[in-house]
PDB file of all heavy atoms in Angstrom:
ATOM      1  N   ASN A   1     379.607 150.998 111.168  1.00  0.00           N
ATOM      2  CA  ASN A   1     380.799 150.205 111.447  1.00  0.00           C
ATOM      3  C   ASN A   1     381.470 149.722 110.163  1.00  0.00           C
ATOM      4  O   ASN A   1     382.639 149.359 110.168  1.00  0.00           O
ATOM      5  CB  ASN A   1     380.446 149.007 112.336  1.00  0.00           C
ATOM      6  CG  ASN A   1     380.196 149.428 113.779  1.00  0.00           C
ATOM      7  OD1 ASN A   1     380.692 150.470 114.218  1.00  0.00           O
ATOM      8  ND2 ASN A   1     379.427 148.635 114.496  1.00  0.00           N
ATOM      9  N   GLY A   2     380.732 149.702 109.082  1.00  0.00           N
ATOM     10  CA  GLY A   2     381.307 149.363 107.786  1.00  0.00           C
ATOM     11  C   GLY A   2     380.681 148.156 107.125  1.00  0.00           C
ATOM     12  O   GLY A   2     380.681 147.067 107.690  1.00  0.00           O
ATOM     13  N   LYS A   3     380.121 148.371 105.933  1.00  0.00           N
ATOM     14  CA  LYS A   3     379.530 147.294 105.150  1.00  0.00           C
ATOM     15  C   LYS A   3     379.934 147.449 103.683  1.00  0.00           C
ATOM     16  O   LYS A   3     380.190 148.552 103.194  1.00  0.00           O
ATOM     17  CB  LYS A   3     377.996 147.297 105.253  1.00  0.00           C
ATOM     18  CG  LYS A   3     377.458 146.959 106.639  1.00  0.00           C
ATOM     19  CD  LYS A   3     377.762 145.536 107.042  1.00  0.00           C
ATOM     20  CE  LYS A   3     377.195 145.180 108.407  1.00  0.00           C
ATOM     21  NZ  LYS A   3     377.563 143.819 108.832  1.00  0.00           N
ATOM     22  N   ILE A   4     379.966 146.322 102.987  1.00  0.00           N
ATOM     23  CA  ILE A   4     380.196 146.307 101.538  1.00  0.00           C
ATOM     24  C   ILE A   4     378.901 145.867 100.869  1.00  0.00           C
ATOM     25  O   ILE A   4     378.381 144.789 101.171  1.00  0.00           O
ATOM     26  CB  ILE A   4     381.323 145.341 101.154  1.00  0.00           C
ATOM     27  CG1 ILE A   4     382.641 145.773 101.803  1.00  0.00           C
ATOM     28  CG2 ILE A   4     381.495 145.274  99.640  1.00  0.00           C
ATOM     29  CD1 ILE A   4     383.773 144.809 101.557  1.00  0.00           C
ATOM     30  N   LEU A   5     378.389 146.691  99.978  1.00  0.00           N
ATOM     31  CA  LEU A   5     377.162 146.376  99.251  1.00  0.00           C
ATOM     32  C   LEU A   5     377.497 146.180  97.776  1.00  0.00           C
ATOM     33  O   LEU A   5     378.174 147.008  97.165  1.00  0.00           O
ATOM     34  CB  LEU A   5     376.142 147.510  99.403  1.00  0.00           C
ATOM     35  CG  LEU A   5     375.790 147.910 100.834  1.00  0.00           C
ATOM     36  CD1 LEU A   5     374.815 149.065 100.844  1.00  0.00           C
ATOM     37  CD2 LEU A   5     375.227 146.731 101.600  1.00  0.00           C
ATOM     38  N   LEU A   6     377.063 145.066  97.232  1.00  0.00           N
ATOM     39  CA  LEU A   6     377.272 144.765  95.817  1.00  0.00           C
ATOM     40  C   LEU A   6     375.977 145.043  95.067  1.00  0.00           C
ATOM     41  O   LEU A   6     374.970 144.374  95.290  1.00  0.00           O
ATOM     42  CB  LEU A   6     377.695 143.303  95.637  1.00  0.00           C
ATOM     43  CG  LEU A   6     378.899 142.842  96.474  1.00  0.00           C
ATOM     44  CD1 LEU A   6     379.209 141.383  96.175  1.00  0.00           C
ATOM     45  CD2 LEU A   6     380.119 143.717  96.241  1.00  0.00           C
ATOM     46  N   VAL A   7     376.012 146.033  94.203  1.00  0.00           N
ATOM     47  CA  VAL A   7     374.811 146.469  93.485  1.00  0.00           C
ATOM     48  C   VAL A   7     374.888 146.054  92.022  1.00  0.00           C
ATOM     49  O   VAL A   7     375.920 146.246  91.368  1.00  0.00           O
ATOM     50  CB  VAL A   7     374.649 148.005  93.577  1.00  0.00           C
ATOM     51  CG1 VAL A   7     373.410 148.462  92.814  1.00  0.00           C
ATOM     52  CG2 VAL A   7     374.588 148.455  95.030  1.00  0.00           C
ATOM     53  N   ASP A   8     373.812 145.468  91.517  1.00  0.00           N
ATOM     54  CA  ASP A   8     373.705 145.152  90.098  1.00  0.00           C
ATOM     55  C   ASP A   8     373.034 146.346  89.426  1.00  0.00           C
ATOM     56  O   ASP A   8     371.815 146.410  89.298  1.00  0.00           O
ATOM     57  CB  ASP A   8     372.881 143.872  89.908  1.00  0.00           C
ATOM     58  CG  ASP A   8     372.982 143.329  88.487  1.00  0.00           C
ATOM     59  OD1 ASP A   8     373.668 143.951  87.661  1.00  0.00           O
ATOM     60  OD2 ASP A   8     372.365 142.287  88.214  1.00  0.00           O
ATOM     61  N   LYS A   9     373.852 147.318  89.014  1.00  0.00           N
ATOM     62  CA  LYS A   9     373.323 148.597  88.527  1.00  0.00           C
ATOM     63  C   LYS A   9     372.580 148.433  87.203  1.00  0.00           C
ATOM     64  O   LYS A   9     373.121 147.896  86.242  1.00  0.00           O
ATOM     65  CB  LYS A   9     374.454 149.613  88.347  1.00  0.00           C
ATOM     66  CG  LYS A   9     373.923 151.048  88.116  1.00  0.00           C
ATOM     67  CD  LYS A   9     375.020 152.004  87.721  1.00  0.00           C
ATOM     68  CE  LYS A   9     375.253 152.040  86.239  1.00  0.00           C
ATOM     69  NZ  LYS A   9     374.100 152.524  85.453  1.00  0.00           N
ATOM     70  N   PRO A  10     371.362 148.923  87.134  1.00  0.00           N
ATOM     71  CA  PRO A  10     370.613 148.848  85.870  1.00  0.00           C
ATOM     72  C   PRO A  10     370.973 150.000  84.940  1.00  0.00           C
ATOM     73  O   PRO A  10     371.603 150.976  85.345  1.00  0.00           O
ATOM     74  CB  PRO A  10     369.158 148.960  86.333  1.00  0.00           C
ATOM     75  CG  PRO A  10     369.226 149.788  87.575  1.00  0.00           C
ATOM     76  CD  PRO A  10     370.544 149.459  88.230  1.00  0.00           C
ATOM     77  N   TRP A  11     370.543 149.888  83.706  1.00  0.00           N
ATOM     78  CA  TRP A  11     370.767 150.928  82.698  1.00  0.00           C
ATOM     79  C   TRP A  11     370.022 152.206  83.101  1.00  0.00           C
ATOM     80  O   TRP A  11     368.907 152.172  83.605  1.00  0.00           O
ATOM     81  CB  TRP A  11     370.237 150.438  81.348  1.00  0.00           C
ATOM     82  CG  TRP A  11     370.606 151.320  80.194  1.00  0.00           C
ATOM     83  CD1 TRP A  11     371.685 151.177  79.376  1.00  0.00           C
ATOM     84  CD2 TRP A  11     369.885 152.455  79.711  1.00  0.00           C
ATOM     85  NE1 TRP A  11     371.697 152.152  78.414  1.00  0.00           N
ATOM     86  CE2 TRP A  11     370.603 152.957  78.603  1.00  0.00           C
ATOM     87  CE3 TRP A  11     368.726 153.103  80.120  1.00  0.00           C
ATOM     88  CZ2 TRP A  11     370.182 154.076  77.892  1.00  0.00           C
ATOM     89  CZ3 TRP A  11     368.310 154.229  79.416  1.00  0.00           C
ATOM     90  CH2 TRP A  11     369.027 154.694  78.320  1.00  0.00           C
ATOM     91  N   GLY A  12     370.659 153.342  82.885  1.00  0.00           N
ATOM     92  CA  GLY A  12     369.998 154.631  83.098  1.00  0.00           C
ATOM     93  C   GLY A  12     370.266 155.286  84.446  1.00  0.00           C
ATOM     94  O   GLY A  12     370.058 156.490  84.598  1.00  0.00           O
ATOM     95  N   TRP A  13     370.709 154.517  85.422  1.00  0.00           N
ATOM     96  CA  TRP A  13     370.993 155.073  86.747  1.00  0.00           C
ATOM     97  C   TRP A  13     372.428 155.602  86.791  1.00  0.00           C
ATOM     98  O   TRP A  13     373.342 154.964  86.292  1.00  0.00           O
ATOM     99  CB  TRP A  13     370.846 154.004  87.825  1.00  0.00           C
ATOM    100  CG  TRP A  13     369.434 153.691  88.197  1.00  0.00           C
ATOM    101  CD1 TRP A  13     368.524 153.026  87.440  1.00  0.00           C
ATOM    102  CD2 TRP A  13     368.782 153.990  89.437  1.00  0.00           C
ATOM    103  NE1 TRP A  13     367.337 152.894  88.128  1.00  0.00           N
ATOM    104  CE2 TRP A  13     367.476 153.476  89.354  1.00  0.00           C
ATOM    105  CE3 TRP A  13     369.186 154.631  90.615  1.00  0.00           C
ATOM    106  CZ2 TRP A  13     366.559 153.598  90.397  1.00  0.00           C
ATOM    107  CZ3 TRP A  13     368.273 154.754  91.657  1.00  0.00           C
ATOM    108  CH2 TRP A  13     366.974 154.245  91.539  1.00  0.00           C
ATOM    109  N   THR A  14     372.627 156.771  87.436  1.00  0.00           N
ATOM    110  CA  THR A  14     373.985 157.225  87.703  1.00  0.00           C
ATOM    111  C   THR A  14     374.472 156.538  88.977  1.00  0.00           C
ATOM    112  O   THR A  14     373.664 156.143  89.831  1.00  0.00           O
ATOM    113  CB  THR A  14     374.055 158.745  87.910  1.00  0.00           C
ATOM    114  OG1 THR A  14     373.342 159.094  89.112  1.00  0.00           O
ATOM    115  CG2 THR A  14     373.455 159.493  86.724  1.00  0.00           C
ATOM    116  N   SER A  15     375.772 156.420  89.113  1.00  0.00           N
ATOM    117  CA  SER A  15     376.337 155.815  90.321  1.00  0.00           C
ATOM    118  C   SER A  15     375.978 156.651  91.548  1.00  0.00           C
ATOM    119  O   SER A  15     375.704 156.115  92.632  1.00  0.00           O
ATOM    120  CB  SER A  15     377.866 155.708  90.180  1.00  0.00           C
ATOM    121  OG  SER A  15     378.197 154.901  89.075  1.00  0.00           O
ATOM    122  N   PHE A  16     375.952 157.970  91.374  1.00  0.00           N
ATOM    123  CA  PHE A  16     375.595 158.876  92.472  1.00  0.00           C
ATOM    124  C   PHE A  16     374.175 158.623  92.952  1.00  0.00           C
ATOM    125  O   PHE A  16     373.901 158.586  94.163  1.00  0.00           O
ATOM    126  CB  PHE A  16     375.738 160.335  92.015  1.00  0.00           C
ATOM    127  CG  PHE A  16     375.262 161.342  93.021  1.00  0.00           C
ATOM    128  CD1 PHE A  16     376.059 161.711  94.096  1.00  0.00           C
ATOM    129  CD2 PHE A  16     374.002 161.920  92.899  1.00  0.00           C
ATOM    130  CE1 PHE A  16     375.613 162.634  95.034  1.00  0.00           C
ATOM    131  CE2 PHE A  16     373.549 162.843  93.830  1.00  0.00           C
ATOM    132  CZ  PHE A  16     374.355 163.192  94.898  1.00  0.00           C
ATOM    133  N   ASN A  17     373.241 158.431  92.011  1.00  0.00           N
ATOM    134  CA  ASN A  17     371.846 158.212  92.394  1.00  0.00           C
ATOM    135  C   ASN A  17     371.634 156.858  93.067  1.00  0.00           C
ATOM    136  O   ASN A  17     370.740 156.713  93.905  1.00  0.00           O
ATOM    137  CB  ASN A  17     370.931 158.344  91.169  1.00  0.00           C
ATOM    138  CG  ASN A  17     370.711 159.794  90.786  1.00  0.00           C
ATOM    139  OD1 ASN A  17     370.858 160.683  91.613  1.00  0.00           O
ATOM    140  ND2 ASN A  17     370.378 160.040  89.531  1.00  0.00           N
ATOM    141  N   ILE A  18     372.444 155.873  92.703  1.00  0.00           N
ATOM    142  CA  ILE A  18     372.387 154.576  93.394  1.00  0.00           C
ATOM    143  C   ILE A  18     372.763 154.766  94.861  1.00  0.00           C
ATOM    144  O   ILE A  18     372.071 154.283  95.770  1.00  0.00           O
ATOM    145  CB  ILE A  18     373.353 153.558  92.742  1.00  0.00           C
ATOM    146  CG1 ILE A  18     372.871 153.178  91.332  1.00  0.00           C
ATOM    147  CG2 ILE A  18     373.512 152.325  93.623  1.00  0.00           C
ATOM    148  CD1 ILE A  18     371.727 152.209  91.268  1.00  0.00           C
ATOM    149  N   VAL A  19     373.862 155.468  95.104  1.00  0.00           N
ATOM    150  CA  VAL A  19     374.325 155.726  96.478  1.00  0.00           C
ATOM    151  C   VAL A  19     373.278 156.520  97.249  1.00  0.00           C
ATOM    152  O   VAL A  19     372.977 156.227  98.420  1.00  0.00           O
ATOM    153  CB  VAL A  19     375.672 156.479  96.455  1.00  0.00           C
ATOM    154  CG1 VAL A  19     376.059 156.933  97.867  1.00  0.00           C
ATOM    155  CG2 VAL A  19     376.763 155.600  95.878  1.00  0.00           C
ATOM    156  N   LYS A  20     372.703 157.503  96.592  1.00  0.00           N
ATOM    157  CA  LYS A  20     371.680 158.344  97.223  1.00  0.00           C
ATOM    158  C   LYS A  20     370.461 157.512  97.624  1.00  0.00           C
ATOM    159  O   LYS A  20     369.889 157.690  98.716  1.00  0.00           O
ATOM    160  CB  LYS A  20     371.265 159.454  96.249  1.00  0.00           C
ATOM    161  CG  LYS A  20     370.279 160.461  96.824  1.00  0.00           C
ATOM    162  CD  LYS A  20     369.980 161.538  95.786  1.00  0.00           C
ATOM    163  CE  LYS A  20     368.955 162.525  96.319  1.00  0.00           C
ATOM    164  NZ  LYS A  20     368.623 163.563  95.292  1.00  0.00           N
ATOM    165  N   LYS A  21     370.051 156.593  96.759  1.00  0.00           N
ATOM    166  CA  LYS A  21     368.905 155.731  97.028  1.00  0.00           C
ATOM    167  C   LYS A  21     369.167 154.811  98.217  1.00  0.00           C
ATOM    168  O   LYS A  21     368.306 154.604  99.079  1.00  0.00           O
ATOM    169  CB  LYS A  21     368.584 154.902  95.784  1.00  0.00           C
ATOM    170  CG  LYS A  21     367.391 153.970  95.918  1.00  0.00           C
ATOM    171  CD  LYS A  21     366.088 154.728  95.925  1.00  0.00           C
ATOM    172  CE  LYS A  21     364.901 153.785  95.901  1.00  0.00           C
ATOM    173  NZ  LYS A  21     363.625 154.493  95.905  1.00  0.00           N
ATOM    174  N   ILE A  22     370.376 154.243  98.263  1.00  0.00           N
ATOM    175  CA  ILE A  22     370.726 153.334  99.361  1.00  0.00           C
ATOM    176  C   ILE A  22     370.788 154.096 100.676  1.00  0.00           C
ATOM    177  O   ILE A  22     370.296 153.627 101.705  1.00  0.00           O
ATOM    178  CB  ILE A  22     372.072 152.637  99.060  1.00  0.00           C
ATOM    179  CG1 ILE A  22     371.908 151.678  97.881  1.00  0.00           C
ATOM    180  CG2 ILE A  22     372.565 151.869 100.284  1.00  0.00           C
ATOM    181  CD1 ILE A  22     373.207 151.056  97.406  1.00  0.00           C
ATOM    182  N   ARG A  23     371.398 155.272 100.660  1.00  0.00           N
ATOM    183  CA  ARG A  23     371.464 156.094 101.874  1.00  0.00           C
ATOM    184  C   ARG A  23     370.061 156.390 102.408  1.00  0.00           C
ATOM    185  O   ARG A  23     369.783 156.244 103.599  1.00  0.00           O
ATOM    186  CB  ARG A  23     372.179 157.411 101.583  1.00  0.00           C
ATOM    187  CG  ARG A  23     372.224 158.357 102.791  1.00  0.00           C
ATOM    188  CD  ARG A  23     372.555 159.767 102.359  1.00  0.00           C
ATOM    189  NE  ARG A  23     373.914 159.886 101.883  1.00  0.00           N
ATOM    190  CZ  ARG A  23     374.954 160.100 102.669  1.00  0.00           C
ATOM    191  NH1 ARG A  23     374.788 160.205 103.984  1.00  0.00           N
ATOM    192  NH2 ARG A  23     376.152 160.205 102.160  1.00  0.00           N
ATOM    193  N   SER A  24     369.179 156.775 101.498  1.00  0.00           N
ATOM    194  CA  SER A  24     367.808 157.106 101.884  1.00  0.00           C
ATOM    195  C   SER A  24     367.100 155.905 102.491  1.00  0.00           C
ATOM    196  O   SER A  24     366.388 156.016 103.491  1.00  0.00           O
ATOM    197  CB  SER A  24     367.043 157.612 100.655  1.00  0.00           C
ATOM    198  OG  SER A  24     365.688 157.841 100.959  1.00  0.00           O
ATOM    199  N   SER A  25     367.293 154.721 101.874  1.00  0.00           N
ATOM    200  CA  SER A  25     366.640 153.512 102.368  1.00  0.00           C
ATOM    201  C   SER A  25     367.129 153.131 103.763  1.00  0.00           C
ATOM    202  O   SER A  25     366.333 152.768 104.633  1.00  0.00           O
ATOM    203  CB  SER A  25     366.906 152.358 101.401  1.00  0.00           C
ATOM    204  OG  SER A  25     366.345 151.159 101.866  1.00  0.00           O
ATOM    205  N   ILE A  26     368.435 153.240 103.990  1.00  0.00           N
ATOM    206  CA  ILE A  26     368.998 152.899 105.297  1.00  0.00           C
ATOM    207  C   ILE A  26     368.483 153.851 106.370  1.00  0.00           C
ATOM    208  O   ILE A  26     368.101 153.438 107.471  1.00  0.00           O
ATOM    209  CB  ILE A  26     370.543 152.922 105.243  1.00  0.00           C
ATOM    210  CG1 ILE A  26     371.048 151.769 104.367  1.00  0.00           C
ATOM    211  CG2 ILE A  26     371.135 152.816 106.653  1.00  0.00           C
ATOM    212  CD1 ILE A  26     372.533 151.838 104.066  1.00  0.00           C
ATOM    213  N   LEU A  27     368.423 155.142 106.054  1.00  0.00           N
ATOM    214  CA  LEU A  27     367.947 156.129 107.033  1.00  0.00           C
ATOM    215  C   LEU A  27     366.451 156.001 107.287  1.00  0.00           C
ATOM    216  O   LEU A  27     365.983 156.241 108.395  1.00  0.00           O
ATOM    217  CB  LEU A  27     368.283 157.544 106.546  1.00  0.00           C
ATOM    218  CG  LEU A  27     369.765 157.928 106.585  1.00  0.00           C
ATOM    219  CD1 LEU A  27     369.971 159.322 106.020  1.00  0.00           C
ATOM    220  CD2 LEU A  27     370.310 157.852 108.008  1.00  0.00           C
ATOM    221  N   ASN A  28     365.710 155.584 106.275  1.00  0.00           N
ATOM    222  CA  ASN A  28     364.268 155.395 106.461  1.00  0.00           C
ATOM    223  C   ASN A  28     363.975 154.244 107.411  1.00  0.00           C
ATOM    224  O   ASN A  28     362.962 154.242 108.113  1.00  0.00           O
ATOM    225  CB  ASN A  28     363.589 155.134 105.117  1.00  0.00           C
ATOM    226  CG  ASN A  28     363.440 156.396 104.287  1.00  0.00           C
ATOM    227  OD1 ASN A  28     363.522 157.504 104.810  1.00  0.00           O
ATOM    228  ND2 ASN A  28     363.244 156.236 102.988  1.00  0.00           N
ATOM    229  N   ASP A  29     364.880 153.254 107.437  1.00  0.00           N
ATOM    230  CA  ASP A  29     364.712 152.116 108.332  1.00  0.00           C
ATOM    231  C   ASP A  29     365.193 152.404 109.754  1.00  0.00           C
ATOM    232  O   ASP A  29     364.931 151.646 110.681  1.00  0.00           O
ATOM    233  CB  ASP A  29     365.481 150.897 107.798  1.00  0.00           C
ATOM    234  CG  ASP A  29     364.817 150.321 106.545  1.00  0.00           C
ATOM    235  OD1 ASP A  29     363.632 150.608 106.329  1.00  0.00           O
ATOM    236  OD2 ASP A  29     365.508 149.600 105.792  1.00  0.00           O
ATOM    237  N   ALA A  30     365.919 153.520 109.913  1.00  0.00           N
ATOM    238  CA  ALA A  30     366.455 153.869 111.229  1.00  0.00           C
ATOM    239  C   ALA A  30     365.471 154.734 112.008  1.00  0.00           C
ATOM    240  O   ALA A  30     364.649 155.445 111.428  1.00  0.00           O
ATOM    241  CB  ALA A  30     367.784 154.604 111.065  1.00  0.00           C
ATOM    242  N   THR A  31     365.553 154.672 113.323  1.00  0.00           N
ATOM    243  CA  THR A  31     364.663 155.474 114.167  1.00  0.00           C
ATOM    244  C   THR A  31     365.152 156.911 114.261  1.00  0.00           C
ATOM    245  O   THR A  31     364.399 157.816 114.593  1.00  0.00           O
ATOM    246  CB  THR A  31     364.581 154.874 115.579  1.00  0.00           C
ATOM    247  OG1 THR A  31     365.904 154.730 116.108  1.00  0.00           O
ATOM    248  CG2 THR A  31     363.897 153.515 115.544  1.00  0.00           C
ATOM    249  N   THR A  32     366.439 157.132 113.979  1.00  0.00           N
ATOM    250  CA  THR A  32     366.995 158.483 113.975  1.00  0.00           C
ATOM    251  C   THR A  32     367.551 158.779 112.589  1.00  0.00           C
ATOM    252  O   THR A  32     367.826 157.881 111.812  1.00  0.00           O
ATOM    253  CB  THR A  32     368.136 158.611 114.998  1.00  0.00           C
ATOM    254  OG1 THR A  32     369.191 157.698 114.652  1.00  0.00           O
ATOM    255  CG2 THR A  32     367.639 158.308 116.402  1.00  0.00           C
ATOM    256  N   LYS A  33     367.688 160.060 112.278  1.00  0.00           N
ATOM    257  CA  LYS A  33     368.182 160.480 110.972  1.00  0.00           C
ATOM    258  C   LYS A  33     369.649 160.906 111.052  1.00  0.00           C
ATOM    259  O   LYS A  33     370.095 161.804 110.359  1.00  0.00           O
ATOM    260  CB  LYS A  33     367.313 161.630 110.431  1.00  0.00           C
ATOM    261  CG  LYS A  33     365.861 161.262 110.246  1.00  0.00           C
ATOM    262  CD  LYS A  33     365.690 160.067 109.332  1.00  0.00           C
ATOM    263  CE  LYS A  33     364.229 159.649 109.196  1.00  0.00           C
ATOM    264  NZ  LYS A  33     364.065 158.425 108.402  1.00  0.00           N
ATOM    265  N   GLU A  34     370.395 160.219 111.884  1.00  0.00           N
ATOM    266  CA  GLU A  34     371.804 160.526 112.045  1.00  0.00           C
ATOM    267  C   GLU A  34     372.555 160.203 110.758  1.00  0.00           C
ATOM    268  O   GLU A  34     372.297 159.203 110.096  1.00  0.00           O
ATOM    269  CB  GLU A  34     372.377 159.699 113.204  1.00  0.00           C
ATOM    270  CG  GLU A  34     373.787 160.100 113.590  1.00  0.00           C
ATOM    271  CD  GLU A  34     374.253 159.390 114.852  1.00  0.00           C
ATOM    272  OE1 GLU A  34     373.393 158.840 115.565  1.00  0.00           O
ATOM    273  OE2 GLU A  34     375.460 159.395 115.105  1.00  0.00           O
ATOM    274  N   ASN A  35     373.500 161.069 110.421  1.00  0.00           N
ATOM    275  CA  ASN A  35     374.232 160.901 109.171  1.00  0.00           C
ATOM    276  C   ASN A  35     375.291 159.805 109.288  1.00  0.00           C
ATOM    277  O   ASN A  35     375.717 159.449 110.377  1.00  0.00           O
ATOM    278  CB  ASN A  35     374.902 162.217 108.784  1.00  0.00           C
ATOM    279  CG  ASN A  35     375.241 162.266 107.302  1.00  0.00           C
ATOM    280  OD1 ASN A  35     374.783 161.442 106.522  1.00  0.00           O
ATOM    281  ND2 ASN A  35     376.049 163.231 106.919  1.00  0.00           N
ATOM    282  N   PHE A  36     375.713 159.254 108.148  1.00  0.00           N
ATOM    283  CA  PHE A  36     376.778 158.257 108.114  1.00  0.00           C
ATOM    284  C   PHE A  36     377.456 158.319 106.755  1.00  0.00           C
ATOM    285  O   PHE A  36     376.885 158.816 105.786  1.00  0.00           O
ATOM    286  CB  PHE A  36     376.234 156.853 108.390  1.00  0.00           C
ATOM    287  CG  PHE A  36     375.351 156.312 107.298  1.00  0.00           C
ATOM    288  CD1 PHE A  36     375.842 155.390 106.391  1.00  0.00           C
ATOM    289  CD2 PHE A  36     374.036 156.734 107.167  1.00  0.00           C
ATOM    290  CE1 PHE A  36     375.038 154.891 105.378  1.00  0.00           C
ATOM    291  CE2 PHE A  36     373.222 156.243 106.160  1.00  0.00           C
ATOM    292  CZ  PHE A  36     373.732 155.318 105.266  1.00  0.00           C
ATOM    293  N   LYS A  37     378.684 157.820 106.696  1.00  0.00           N
ATOM    294  CA  LYS A  37     379.452 157.870 105.455  1.00  0.00           C
ATOM    295  C   LYS A  37     379.016 156.761 104.507  1.00  0.00           C
ATOM    296  O   LYS A  37     378.783 155.629 104.917  1.00  0.00           O
ATOM    297  CB  LYS A  37     380.945 157.725 105.750  1.00  0.00           C
ATOM    298  CG  LYS A  37     381.567 158.918 106.454  1.00  0.00           C
ATOM    299  CD  LYS A  37     383.058 158.710 106.652  1.00  0.00           C
ATOM    300  CE  LYS A  37     383.704 159.910 107.321  1.00  0.00           C
ATOM    301  NZ  LYS A  37     385.167 159.711 107.518  1.00  0.00           N
ATOM    302  N   ILE A  38     378.962 157.104 103.221  1.00  0.00           N
ATOM    303  CA  ILE A  38     378.624 156.123 102.194  1.00  0.00           C
ATOM    304  C   ILE A  38     379.164 156.619 100.856  1.00  0.00           C
ATOM    305  O   ILE A  38     379.160 157.828 100.581  1.00  0.00           O
ATOM    306  CB  ILE A  38     377.102 155.879 102.116  1.00  0.00           C
ATOM    307  CG1 ILE A  38     376.779 154.768 101.105  1.00  0.00           C
ATOM    308  CG2 ILE A  38     376.345 157.156 101.789  1.00  0.00           C
ATOM    309  CD1 ILE A  38     375.325 154.314 101.144  1.00  0.00           C
ATOM    310  N   GLY A  39     379.670 155.720 100.028  1.00  0.00           N
ATOM    311  CA  GLY A  39     380.178 156.101  98.715  1.00  0.00           C
ATOM    312  C   GLY A  39     380.428 154.866  97.873  1.00  0.00           C
ATOM    313  O   GLY A  39     380.332 153.741  98.357  1.00  0.00           O
ATOM    314  N   HIS A  40     380.717 155.077  96.599  1.00  0.00           N
ATOM    315  CA  HIS A  40     380.984 153.934  95.716  1.00  0.00           C
ATOM    316  C   HIS A  40     382.468 153.858  95.382  1.00  0.00           C
ATOM    317  O   HIS A  40     383.198 154.843  95.505  1.00  0.00           O
ATOM    318  CB  HIS A  40     380.141 154.009  94.439  1.00  0.00           C
ATOM    319  CG  HIS A  40     380.425 155.207  93.586  1.00  0.00           C
ATOM    320  ND1 HIS A  40     381.543 155.306  92.791  1.00  0.00           N
ATOM    321  CD2 HIS A  40     379.734 156.373  93.402  1.00  0.00           C
ATOM    322  CE1 HIS A  40     381.531 156.460  92.146  1.00  0.00           C
ATOM    323  NE2 HIS A  40     380.456 157.131  92.506  1.00  0.00           N
ATOM    324  N   ALA A  41     382.903 152.680  94.956  1.00  0.00           N
ATOM    325  CA  ALA A  41     384.328 152.443  94.692  1.00  0.00           C
ATOM    326  C   ALA A  41     384.595 152.310  93.199  1.00  0.00           C
ATOM    327  O   ALA A  41     385.221 151.353  92.752  1.00  0.00           O
ATOM    328  CB  ALA A  41     384.792 151.191  95.424  1.00  0.00           C
ATOM    329  N   GLY A  42     384.109 153.267  92.425  1.00  0.00           N
ATOM    330  CA  GLY A  42     384.354 153.235  90.981  1.00  0.00           C
ATOM    331  C   GLY A  42     383.098 153.480  90.185  1.00  0.00           C
ATOM    332  O   GLY A  42     382.177 152.666  90.183  1.00  0.00           O
ATOM    333  N   THR A  43     383.057 154.600  89.478  1.00  0.00           N
ATOM    334  CA  THR A  43     381.870 155.016  88.728  1.00  0.00           C
ATOM    335  C   THR A  43     381.545 154.080  87.568  1.00  0.00           C
ATOM    336  O   THR A  43     382.443 153.590  86.878  1.00  0.00           O
ATOM    337  CB  THR A  43     382.078 156.435  88.168  1.00  0.00           C
ATOM    338  OG1 THR A  43     382.352 157.331  89.247  1.00  0.00           O
ATOM    339  CG2 THR A  43     380.849 156.917  87.414  1.00  0.00           C
ATOM    340  N   LEU A  44     380.252 153.857  87.377  1.00  0.00           N
ATOM    341  CA  LEU A  44     379.736 153.245  86.152  1.00  0.00           C
ATOM    342  C   LEU A  44     378.899 154.297  85.447  1.00  0.00           C
ATOM    343  O   LEU A  44     378.044 154.927  86.071  1.00  0.00           O
ATOM    344  CB  LEU A  44     378.868 152.027  86.476  1.00  0.00           C
ATOM    345  CG  LEU A  44     379.506 150.638  86.468  1.00  0.00           C
ATOM    346  CD1 LEU A  44     378.454 149.587  86.789  1.00  0.00           C
ATOM    347  CD2 LEU A  44     380.172 150.320  85.136  1.00  0.00           C
TER     348      LEU A  44
END
Protein backbone atom coordinates (compact mmCIF):
# COMPACT_ATOMS: atom_id res chain seq x y z
CA ASN A 1 0.00 0.00 0.00
CA GLY A 2 3.02 2.26 0.34
CA LYS A 3 5.63 3.02 2.99
CA ILE A 4 8.53 5.46 3.36
CA LEU A 5 11.67 4.02 4.94
CA LEU A 6 14.46 6.28 6.14
CA VAL A 7 17.78 4.45 6.05
CA ASP A 8 21.00 5.62 7.69
CA LYS A 9 23.27 4.16 5.01
CA PRO A 10 26.68 3.01 6.25
CA TRP A 11 29.96 3.29 4.37
CA GLY A 12 30.60 0.63 1.73
CA TRP A 13 27.00 -0.28 0.89
CA THR A 14 25.55 0.50 -2.54
CA SER A 15 22.06 1.99 -2.63
CA PHE A 16 20.96 -1.01 -4.71
CA ASN A 17 22.16 -3.48 -2.07
CA ILE A 18 20.32 -1.57 0.67
CA VAL A 19 17.06 -1.91 -1.30
CA LYS A 20 17.80 -5.57 -1.98
CA LYS A 21 18.38 -6.24 1.73
CA ILE A 22 15.14 -4.53 2.75
CA ARG A 23 13.14 -6.39 0.10
CA SER A 24 14.57 -9.69 1.30
CA SER A 25 13.79 -8.90 4.95
CA ILE A 26 10.18 -7.94 4.21
CA LEU A 27 9.59 -11.10 2.15
CA ASN A 28 11.21 -13.29 4.79
CA ASP A 29 8.67 -11.98 7.31
CA ALA A 30 5.78 -12.71 4.94
CA THR A 31 4.00 -16.05 4.67
CA THR A 32 4.00 -15.77 0.87
CA LYS A 33 6.77 -14.73 -1.51
CA GLU A 34 4.57 -12.42 -3.54
CA ASN A 35 6.47 -9.65 -5.27
CA PHE A 36 6.05 -5.93 -4.52
CA LYS A 37 7.51 -2.65 -5.74
CA ILE A 38 10.44 -1.09 -3.90
CA GLY A 39 13.11 1.46 -4.82
CA HIS A 40 15.16 4.38 -3.54
CA ALA A 41 14.67 8.09 -4.19
CA GLY A 42 18.23 9.16 -4.94
CA THR A 43 21.50 7.23 -5.08
CA LEU A 44 24.23 7.54 -2.48
